[in-house]
Amino acid sequence: MMSKIVRTQASFLYTFILIFGFYIVAHGHLTPGGGFQGGAVIATGIALIAVAFNFSNVKRWIKKTHLTAAEGIGLLTFLITALIGIGTSFFYNWLANSGLIFGQRVSYGVNPGYLNTAGTLPVMNLAVGIEVFGGLGVIILYMLNYVKEVRNDAS
């Protein structure tokens, strides 16, 4: 377990890491980034908490079953979104220009960066972000199972 200063800063930074990760996921169709990159950033929050706190505490706070469920939910959301457009084609952008959420009509010319103009792309970015967060989170927790706590008995 790290010092109180490291734990306090990790708790403080965790919130900003999550916000930044969700920002990357939400703006994935407008900027470089997207679901995979945002999910990886969010998973680094788990790694930060795991490094700063005792692993037994982290195991109580973050459950592998919840991360596995998030991975499955992300995958199912992605596949269902892709299958809904199967009447036209697989991955058909059925939300674009529909007037529903993420379906505002896009004007010709420069896009000023409106989030609701991409159709199904934000839904798929969110699904990939959740899936990558869950998958990398499980990998981090499995890797931490094999890390032994080092004690300094020299003093």
N, C-alpha and C. Protein backbone atom coordinates (compact mmCIF):
# COMPACT_ATOMS: atom_id res chain seq x y z
N MET A 1 0.85 -1.17 0.00
CA MET A 1 0.00 0.00 0.00
C MET A 1 0.90 1.23 0.00
N MET A 2 0.53 2.21 -0.77
CA MET A 2 1.30 3.43 -0.90
C MET A 2 1.01 4.38 0.25
N SER A 3 1.70 5.51 0.26
CA SER A 3 1.51 6.50 1.31
C SER A 3 0.15 7.18 1.18
N LYS A 4 -0.22 7.89 2.21
CA LYS A 4 -1.50 8.58 2.21
C LYS A 4 -1.57 9.65 1.12
N ILE A 5 -0.45 10.28 0.84
CA ILE A 5 -0.41 11.30 -0.21
C ILE A 5 -0.70 10.67 -1.58
N VAL A 6 -0.08 9.54 -1.86
CA VAL A 6 -0.30 8.86 -3.14
C VAL A 6 -1.74 8.38 -3.24
N ARG A 7 -2.28 7.83 -2.16
CA ARG A 7 -3.67 7.36 -2.19
C ARG A 7 -4.64 8.52 -2.39
N THR A 8 -4.38 9.65 -1.74
CA THR A 8 -5.26 10.82 -1.89
C THR A 8 -5.21 11.34 -3.32
N GLN A 9 -4.01 11.45 -3.88
CA GLN A 9 -3.89 11.93 -5.25
C GLN A 9 -4.50 10.94 -6.25
N ALA A 10 -4.35 9.64 -6.00
CA ALA A 10 -4.96 8.64 -6.88
C ALA A 10 -6.48 8.75 -6.84
N SER A 11 -7.04 8.93 -5.66
CA SER A 11 -8.49 9.10 -5.55
C SER A 11 -8.96 10.36 -6.26
N PHE A 12 -8.16 11.41 -6.18
CA PHE A 12 -8.49 12.67 -6.85
C PHE A 12 -8.40 12.52 -8.37
N LEU A 13 -7.33 11.91 -8.85
CA LEU A 13 -7.11 11.78 -10.30
C LEU A 13 -8.05 10.77 -10.95
N TYR A 14 -8.52 9.80 -10.19
CA TYR A 14 -9.41 8.76 -10.72
C TYR A 14 -10.64 9.38 -11.39
N THR A 15 -11.23 10.36 -10.74
CA THR A 15 -12.42 11.03 -11.29
C THR A 15 -12.10 11.70 -12.62
N PHE A 16 -10.97 12.37 -12.70
CA PHE A 16 -10.61 13.06 -13.93
C PHE A 16 -10.24 12.08 -15.04
N ILE A 17 -9.64 10.96 -14.68
CA ILE A 17 -9.34 9.94 -15.68
C ILE A 17 -10.63 9.39 -16.28
N LEU A 18 -11.63 9.13 -15.43
CA LEU A 18 -12.91 8.64 -15.94
C LEU A 18 -13.58 9.67 -16.83
N ILE A 19 -13.58 10.92 -16.42
CA ILE A 19 -14.19 11.98 -17.23
C ILE A 19 -13.49 12.10 -18.57
N PHE A 20 -12.16 12.09 -18.56
CA PHE A 20 -11.41 12.21 -19.80
C PHE A 20 -11.66 11.00 -20.70
N GLY A 21 -11.73 9.81 -20.12
CA GLY A 21 -12.02 8.61 -20.91
C GLY A 21 -13.38 8.67 -21.57
N PHE A 22 -14.40 9.09 -20.81
CA PHE A 22 -15.73 9.21 -21.40
C PHE A 22 -15.79 10.33 -22.43
N TYR A 23 -15.00 11.37 -22.25
CA TYR A 23 -14.91 12.44 -23.24
C TYR A 23 -14.35 11.89 -24.56
N ILE A 24 -13.31 11.08 -24.48
CA ILE A 24 -12.72 10.49 -25.68
C ILE A 24 -13.73 9.58 -26.37
N VAL A 25 -14.48 8.80 -25.60
CA VAL A 25 -15.50 7.92 -26.18
C VAL A 25 -16.60 8.75 -26.85
N ALA A 26 -17.07 9.79 -26.19
CA ALA A 26 -18.19 10.58 -26.71
C ALA A 26 -17.82 11.37 -27.96
N HIS A 27 -16.58 11.78 -28.07
CA HIS A 27 -16.16 12.58 -29.23
C HIS A 27 -15.41 11.75 -30.26
N GLY A 28 -15.53 10.45 -30.21
CA GLY A 28 -14.78 9.56 -31.09
C GLY A 28 -15.09 9.72 -32.55
N HIS A 29 -16.29 10.15 -32.89
CA HIS A 29 -16.63 10.32 -34.30
C HIS A 29 -16.23 11.70 -34.83
N LEU A 30 -15.77 12.56 -33.95
CA LEU A 30 -15.37 13.91 -34.37
C LEU A 30 -13.87 14.15 -34.28
N THR A 31 -13.20 13.45 -33.41
CA THR A 31 -11.78 13.67 -33.15
C THR A 31 -11.05 12.34 -33.18
N PRO A 32 -9.73 12.36 -33.22
CA PRO A 32 -9.00 11.10 -33.08
C PRO A 32 -9.31 10.48 -31.72
N GLY A 33 -9.57 9.25 -31.72
CA GLY A 33 -9.96 8.57 -30.48
C GLY A 33 -11.18 7.73 -30.76
N GLY A 34 -11.92 7.44 -29.75
CA GLY A 34 -13.12 6.65 -29.90
C GLY A 34 -13.26 5.66 -28.78
N GLY A 35 -14.01 4.60 -29.06
CA GLY A 35 -14.32 3.63 -28.03
C GLY A 35 -13.12 2.90 -27.49
N PHE A 36 -12.23 2.44 -28.35
CA PHE A 36 -11.09 1.68 -27.86
C PHE A 36 -10.17 2.55 -27.02
N GLN A 37 -9.83 3.72 -27.53
CA GLN A 37 -8.92 4.60 -26.81
C GLN A 37 -9.54 5.07 -25.49
N GLY A 38 -10.81 5.44 -25.52
CA GLY A 38 -11.48 5.89 -24.31
C GLY A 38 -11.61 4.78 -23.28
N GLY A 39 -11.92 3.56 -23.74
CA GLY A 39 -11.99 2.42 -22.83
C GLY A 39 -10.66 2.12 -22.19
N ALA A 40 -9.59 2.27 -22.97
CA ALA A 40 -8.25 2.04 -22.42
C ALA A 40 -7.90 3.10 -21.37
N VAL A 41 -8.29 4.35 -21.61
CA VAL A 41 -8.03 5.41 -20.63
C VAL A 41 -8.82 5.14 -19.35
N ILE A 42 -10.06 4.72 -19.48
CA ILE A 42 -10.87 4.42 -18.30
C ILE A 42 -10.26 3.25 -17.52
N ALA A 43 -9.75 2.25 -18.24
CA ALA A 43 -9.13 1.10 -17.57
C ALA A 43 -7.85 1.50 -16.84
N THR A 44 -7.17 2.55 -17.30
CA THR A 44 -5.99 3.00 -16.56
C THR A 44 -6.38 3.54 -15.20
N GLY A 45 -7.61 3.99 -15.04
CA GLY A 45 -8.09 4.39 -13.72
C GLY A 45 -8.08 3.22 -12.76
N ILE A 46 -8.46 2.04 -13.25
CA ILE A 46 -8.39 0.84 -12.41
C ILE A 46 -6.95 0.54 -12.05
N ALA A 47 -6.05 0.66 -13.02
CA ALA A 47 -4.64 0.40 -12.74
C ALA A 47 -4.09 1.38 -11.71
N LEU A 48 -4.49 2.64 -11.80
CA LEU A 48 -4.05 3.65 -10.83
C LEU A 48 -4.52 3.31 -9.43
N ILE A 49 -5.78 2.96 -9.29
CA ILE A 49 -6.33 2.61 -7.98
C ILE A 49 -5.66 1.34 -7.46
N ALA A 50 -5.40 0.39 -8.34
CA ALA A 50 -4.76 -0.86 -7.92
C ALA A 50 -3.34 -0.64 -7.43
N VAL A 51 -2.63 0.30 -8.03
CA VAL A 51 -1.27 0.58 -7.61
C VAL A 51 -1.26 1.35 -6.28
N ALA A 52 -2.20 2.26 -6.12
CA ALA A 52 -2.20 3.12 -4.93
C ALA A 52 -2.73 2.45 -3.68
N PHE A 53 -3.67 1.52 -3.83
CA PHE A 53 -4.31 0.91 -2.67
C PHE A 53 -3.93 -0.55 -2.55
N ASN A 54 -4.28 -1.14 -1.46
CA ASN A 54 -4.04 -2.55 -1.19
C ASN A 54 -4.92 -3.39 -2.12
N PHE A 55 -4.38 -4.48 -2.65
CA PHE A 55 -5.12 -5.29 -3.61
C PHE A 55 -6.38 -5.89 -3.00
N SER A 56 -6.36 -6.23 -1.73
CA SER A 56 -7.58 -6.78 -1.11
C SER A 56 -8.69 -5.74 -1.10
N ASN A 57 -8.36 -4.47 -0.92
CA ASN A 57 -9.37 -3.41 -1.01
C ASN A 57 -9.87 -3.25 -2.43
N VAL A 58 -8.96 -3.30 -3.38
CA VAL A 58 -9.34 -3.15 -4.78
C VAL A 58 -10.26 -4.29 -5.21
N LYS A 59 -9.99 -5.51 -4.74
CA LYS A 59 -10.86 -6.65 -5.06
C LYS A 59 -12.27 -6.46 -4.50
N ARG A 60 -12.38 -5.78 -3.36
CA ARG A 60 -13.71 -5.51 -2.81
C ARG A 60 -14.42 -4.42 -3.59
N TRP A 61 -13.70 -3.42 -4.06
CA TRP A 61 -14.30 -2.27 -4.76
C TRP A 61 -14.66 -2.61 -6.20
N ILE A 62 -13.76 -3.32 -6.88
CA ILE A 62 -13.93 -3.59 -8.30
C ILE A 62 -14.02 -5.11 -8.47
N LYS A 63 -15.17 -5.58 -8.86
CA LYS A 63 -15.41 -7.02 -8.99
C LYS A 63 -15.16 -7.47 -10.43
N LYS A 64 -14.52 -8.62 -10.57
CA LYS A 64 -14.28 -9.17 -11.91
C LYS A 64 -15.59 -9.50 -12.61
N THR A 65 -16.58 -9.93 -11.83
CA THR A 65 -17.87 -10.26 -12.45
C THR A 65 -18.52 -9.02 -13.06
N HIS A 66 -18.37 -7.87 -12.40
CA HIS A 66 -18.94 -6.64 -12.95
C HIS A 66 -18.20 -6.23 -14.23
N LEU A 67 -16.89 -6.38 -14.24
CA LEU A 67 -16.12 -6.04 -15.44
C LEU A 67 -16.44 -7.00 -16.58
N THR A 68 -16.60 -8.28 -16.27
CA THR A 68 -16.97 -9.25 -17.30
C THR A 68 -18.36 -8.96 -17.84
N ALA A 69 -19.27 -8.55 -16.95
CA ALA A 69 -20.61 -8.17 -17.40
C ALA A 69 -20.55 -6.94 -18.29
N ALA A 70 -19.72 -5.96 -17.94
CA ALA A 70 -19.57 -4.77 -18.77
C ALA A 70 -19.03 -5.14 -20.14
N GLU A 71 -18.09 -6.07 -20.17
CA GLU A 71 -17.54 -6.53 -21.44
C GLU A 71 -18.64 -7.17 -22.31
N GLY A 72 -19.45 -8.00 -21.71
CA GLY A 72 -20.55 -8.64 -22.44
C GLY A 72 -21.61 -7.66 -22.90
N ILE A 73 -21.95 -6.70 -22.04
CA ILE A 73 -22.95 -5.69 -22.40
C ILE A 73 -22.45 -4.83 -23.56
N GLY A 74 -21.18 -4.45 -23.52
CA GLY A 74 -20.62 -3.68 -24.62
C GLY A 74 -20.65 -4.44 -25.93
N LEU A 75 -20.28 -5.71 -25.88
CA LEU A 75 -20.29 -6.54 -27.08
C LEU A 75 -21.70 -6.72 -27.62
N LEU A 76 -22.65 -7.01 -26.76
CA LEU A 76 -24.04 -7.19 -27.20
C LEU A 76 -24.62 -5.89 -27.76
N THR A 77 -24.32 -4.77 -27.14
CA THR A 77 -24.81 -3.48 -27.64
C THR A 77 -24.26 -3.21 -29.03
N PHE A 78 -22.98 -3.49 -29.22
CA PHE A 78 -22.36 -3.28 -30.53
C PHE A 78 -23.02 -4.17 -31.59
N LEU A 79 -23.20 -5.45 -31.28
CA LEU A 79 -23.80 -6.37 -32.24
C LEU A 79 -25.26 -6.04 -32.53
N ILE A 80 -26.01 -5.69 -31.51
CA ILE A 80 -27.43 -5.35 -31.72
C ILE A 80 -27.55 -4.09 -32.56
N THR A 81 -26.70 -3.10 -32.30
CA THR A 81 -26.73 -1.88 -33.10
C THR A 81 -26.41 -2.19 -34.56
N ALA A 82 -25.47 -3.09 -34.78
CA ALA A 82 -25.11 -3.47 -36.15
C ALA A 82 -26.21 -4.29 -36.81
N LEU A 83 -26.88 -5.14 -36.05
CA LEU A 83 -27.91 -6.02 -36.62
C LEU A 83 -29.23 -5.30 -36.89
N ILE A 84 -29.49 -4.20 -36.21
CA ILE A 84 -30.75 -3.49 -36.44
C ILE A 84 -30.86 -3.02 -37.89
N GLY A 85 -29.75 -2.63 -38.48
CA GLY A 85 -29.76 -2.16 -39.86
C GLY A 85 -29.67 -3.26 -40.89
N ILE A 86 -29.86 -4.51 -40.51
CA ILE A 86 -29.65 -5.63 -41.42
C ILE A 86 -30.63 -5.61 -42.60
N GLY A 87 -31.76 -4.93 -42.49
CA GLY A 87 -32.69 -4.84 -43.62
C GLY A 87 -32.05 -4.17 -44.82
N THR A 88 -31.17 -3.22 -44.57
CA THR A 88 -30.44 -2.54 -45.65
C THR A 88 -29.07 -3.17 -45.82
N SER A 89 -28.28 -3.12 -44.77
CA SER A 89 -26.97 -3.77 -44.78
C SER A 89 -26.49 -3.87 -43.33
N PHE A 90 -25.55 -4.78 -43.12
CA PHE A 90 -24.96 -4.92 -41.79
C PHE A 90 -24.22 -3.63 -41.47
N PHE A 91 -24.36 -3.11 -40.27
CA PHE A 91 -23.77 -1.84 -39.83
C PHE A 91 -24.38 -0.64 -40.55
N TYR A 92 -25.59 -0.77 -41.07
CA TYR A 92 -26.24 0.38 -41.70
C TYR A 92 -26.47 1.46 -40.64
N ASN A 93 -26.18 2.69 -41.00
CA ASN A 93 -26.29 3.81 -40.07
C ASN A 93 -27.75 4.27 -40.01
N TRP A 94 -28.57 3.51 -39.32
CA TRP A 94 -30.01 3.73 -39.30
C TRP A 94 -30.43 4.94 -38.46
N LEU A 95 -29.56 5.46 -37.63
CA LEU A 95 -29.90 6.65 -36.84
C LEU A 95 -29.56 7.96 -37.56
N ALA A 96 -28.72 7.91 -38.57
CA ALA A 96 -28.31 9.14 -39.26
C ALA A 96 -29.51 9.76 -39.98
N ASN A 97 -29.68 11.03 -39.80
CA ASN A 97 -30.75 11.81 -40.44
C ASN A 97 -32.14 11.27 -40.13
N SER A 98 -32.30 10.61 -39.00
CA SER A 98 -33.60 10.07 -38.63
C SER A 98 -34.40 11.02 -37.76
N GLY A 99 -33.76 12.02 -37.18
CA GLY A 99 -34.44 12.93 -36.28
C GLY A 99 -34.45 12.44 -34.84
N LEU A 100 -34.01 11.20 -34.61
CA LEU A 100 -33.91 10.66 -33.26
C LEU A 100 -32.60 11.14 -32.64
N ILE A 101 -32.29 10.62 -31.46
CA ILE A 101 -31.03 10.99 -30.81
C ILE A 101 -29.86 10.63 -31.74
N PHE A 102 -28.88 11.44 -31.80
CA PHE A 102 -27.72 11.31 -32.68
C PHE A 102 -28.13 11.32 -34.14
N GLY A 103 -29.28 11.91 -34.46
CA GLY A 103 -29.74 11.88 -35.84
C GLY A 103 -30.06 13.24 -36.41
N GLN A 104 -29.50 14.30 -35.86
CA GLN A 104 -29.73 15.64 -36.42
C GLN A 104 -29.15 15.70 -37.82
N ARG A 105 -29.88 16.34 -38.72
CA ARG A 105 -29.40 16.43 -40.10
C ARG A 105 -28.10 17.22 -40.16
N VAL A 106 -27.18 16.71 -40.95
CA VAL A 106 -25.88 17.34 -41.08
C VAL A 106 -25.94 18.28 -42.28
N SER A 107 -25.55 19.53 -42.05
CA SER A 107 -25.52 20.49 -43.15
C SER A 107 -24.25 20.28 -43.96
N TYR A 108 -24.28 20.74 -45.21
CA TYR A 108 -23.10 20.64 -46.05
C TYR A 108 -22.05 21.63 -45.59
N GLY A 109 -20.82 21.29 -45.80
CA GLY A 109 -19.74 22.18 -45.41
C GLY A 109 -19.08 21.72 -44.14
N VAL A 110 -18.47 22.67 -43.46
CA VAL A 110 -17.73 22.35 -42.25
C VAL A 110 -18.69 21.99 -41.13
N ASN A 111 -18.43 20.88 -40.47
CA ASN A 111 -19.23 20.46 -39.32
C ASN A 111 -18.65 21.12 -38.09
N PRO A 112 -19.45 21.92 -37.37
CA PRO A 112 -18.92 22.61 -36.19
C PRO A 112 -18.67 21.69 -35.00
N GLY A 113 -18.85 20.41 -35.13
CA GLY A 113 -18.54 19.49 -34.05
C GLY A 113 -19.74 19.11 -33.19
N TYR A 114 -20.93 19.10 -33.77
CA TYR A 114 -22.10 18.69 -33.01
C TYR A 114 -22.04 17.20 -32.72
N LEU A 115 -22.31 16.83 -31.47
CA LEU A 115 -22.24 15.42 -31.07
C LEU A 115 -23.38 14.59 -31.64
N ASN A 116 -24.50 15.21 -31.94
CA ASN A 116 -25.68 14.43 -32.32
C ASN A 116 -25.86 14.33 -33.83
N THR A 117 -24.78 14.27 -34.59
CA THR A 117 -24.89 14.21 -36.04
C THR A 117 -24.32 12.93 -36.64
N ALA A 118 -24.00 11.95 -35.85
CA ALA A 118 -23.26 10.80 -36.37
C ALA A 118 -24.10 9.54 -36.51
N GLY A 119 -25.33 9.56 -36.12
CA GLY A 119 -26.14 8.35 -36.23
C GLY A 119 -25.73 7.30 -35.22
N THR A 120 -25.41 6.12 -35.70
CA THR A 120 -25.08 5.00 -34.81
C THR A 120 -23.63 5.00 -34.33
N LEU A 121 -22.79 5.85 -34.88
CA LEU A 121 -21.37 5.84 -34.49
C LEU A 121 -21.14 6.11 -33.01
N PRO A 122 -21.80 7.09 -32.37
CA PRO A 122 -21.59 7.26 -30.92
C PRO A 122 -22.07 6.06 -30.11
N VAL A 123 -23.14 5.42 -30.55
CA VAL A 123 -23.63 4.24 -29.84
C VAL A 123 -22.58 3.13 -29.92
N MET A 124 -22.01 2.95 -31.10
CA MET A 124 -20.98 1.92 -31.26
C MET A 124 -19.71 2.28 -30.51
N ASN A 125 -19.34 3.57 -30.51
CA ASN A 125 -18.17 3.99 -29.73
C ASN A 125 -18.38 3.72 -28.24
N LEU A 126 -19.57 4.01 -27.75
CA LEU A 126 -19.87 3.75 -26.33
C LEU A 126 -19.81 2.25 -26.05
N ALA A 127 -20.35 1.44 -26.94
CA ALA A 127 -20.33 -0.01 -26.75
C ALA A 127 -18.89 -0.53 -26.74
N VAL A 128 -18.07 -0.04 -27.67
CA VAL A 128 -16.67 -0.48 -27.71
C VAL A 128 -15.94 0.01 -26.46
N GLY A 129 -16.21 1.23 -26.02
CA GLY A 129 -15.58 1.75 -24.81
C GLY A 129 -15.90 0.91 -23.59
N ILE A 130 -17.15 0.52 -23.45
CA ILE A 130 -17.55 -0.32 -22.31
C ILE A 130 -16.89 -1.69 -22.41
N GLU A 131 -16.84 -2.23 -23.62
CA GLU A 131 -16.25 -3.56 -23.81
C GLU A 131 -14.74 -3.54 -23.53
N VAL A 132 -14.05 -2.53 -24.01
CA VAL A 132 -12.60 -2.44 -23.79
C VAL A 132 -12.30 -2.17 -22.32
N PHE A 133 -13.08 -1.30 -21.69
CA PHE A 133 -12.91 -1.05 -20.26
C PHE A 133 -13.07 -2.34 -19.46
N GLY A 134 -14.11 -3.09 -19.76
CA GLY A 134 -14.33 -4.34 -19.05
C GLY A 134 -13.23 -5.35 -19.30
N GLY A 135 -12.82 -5.50 -20.55
CA GLY A 135 -11.78 -6.46 -20.90
C GLY A 135 -10.43 -6.12 -20.28
N LEU A 136 -10.00 -4.87 -20.44
CA LEU A 136 -8.72 -4.47 -19.86
C LEU A 136 -8.76 -4.46 -18.34
N GLY A 137 -9.92 -4.12 -17.77
CA GLY A 137 -10.04 -4.16 -16.32
C GLY A 137 -9.88 -5.57 -15.78
N VAL A 138 -10.47 -6.54 -16.47
CA VAL A 138 -10.30 -7.95 -16.05
C VAL A 138 -8.84 -8.36 -16.18
N ILE A 139 -8.19 -7.96 -17.26
CA ILE A 139 -6.78 -8.30 -17.45
C ILE A 139 -5.93 -7.72 -16.33
N ILE A 140 -6.19 -6.46 -15.96
CA ILE A 140 -5.45 -5.81 -14.88
C ILE A 140 -5.65 -6.56 -13.57
N LEU A 141 -6.90 -6.92 -13.27
CA LEU A 141 -7.16 -7.62 -12.00
C LEU A 141 -6.53 -9.01 -11.99
N TYR A 142 -6.55 -9.71 -13.12
CA TYR A 142 -5.91 -11.03 -13.17
C TYR A 142 -4.40 -10.90 -13.00
N MET A 143 -3.82 -9.89 -13.60
CA MET A 143 -2.38 -9.70 -13.44
C MET A 143 -2.03 -9.37 -12.00
N LEU A 144 -2.88 -8.63 -11.30
CA LEU A 144 -2.62 -8.28 -9.92
C LEU A 144 -2.75 -9.46 -8.98
N ASN A 145 -3.44 -10.51 -9.39
CA ASN A 145 -3.54 -11.71 -8.56
C ASN A 145 -2.18 -12.33 -8.28
N TYR A 146 -1.24 -12.11 -9.21
CA TYR A 146 0.05 -12.77 -9.10
C TYR A 146 1.15 -11.85 -8.58
N VAL A 147 0.79 -10.66 -8.18
CA VAL A 147 1.78 -9.74 -7.62
C VAL A 147 1.80 -9.93 -6.11
N LYS A 148 2.96 -10.17 -5.58
CA LYS A 148 3.11 -10.33 -4.13
C LYS A 148 3.48 -9.00 -3.51
N GLU A 149 2.98 -8.78 -2.32
CA GLU A 149 3.31 -7.55 -1.61
C GLU A 149 4.73 -7.64 -1.09
N VAL A 150 5.53 -6.65 -1.40
CA VAL A 150 6.94 -6.61 -0.99
C VAL A 150 7.03 -5.84 0.32
N ARG A 151 7.65 -6.46 1.30
CA ARG A 151 7.81 -5.81 2.59
C ARG A 151 9.29 -5.56 2.82
N ASN A 152 9.58 -4.45 3.43
CA ASN A 152 10.96 -4.10 3.73
C ASN A 152 11.25 -4.53 5.17
N ASP A 153 11.85 -5.70 5.33
CA ASP A 153 12.17 -6.22 6.66
C ASP A 153 13.59 -5.88 7.08
N ALA A 154 14.29 -5.07 6.31
CA ALA A 154 15.67 -4.75 6.62
C ALA A 154 15.80 -3.80 7.80
N SER A 155 14.77 -3.09 8.14
CA SER A 155 14.88 -2.09 9.22
C SER A 155 14.71 -2.65 10.58
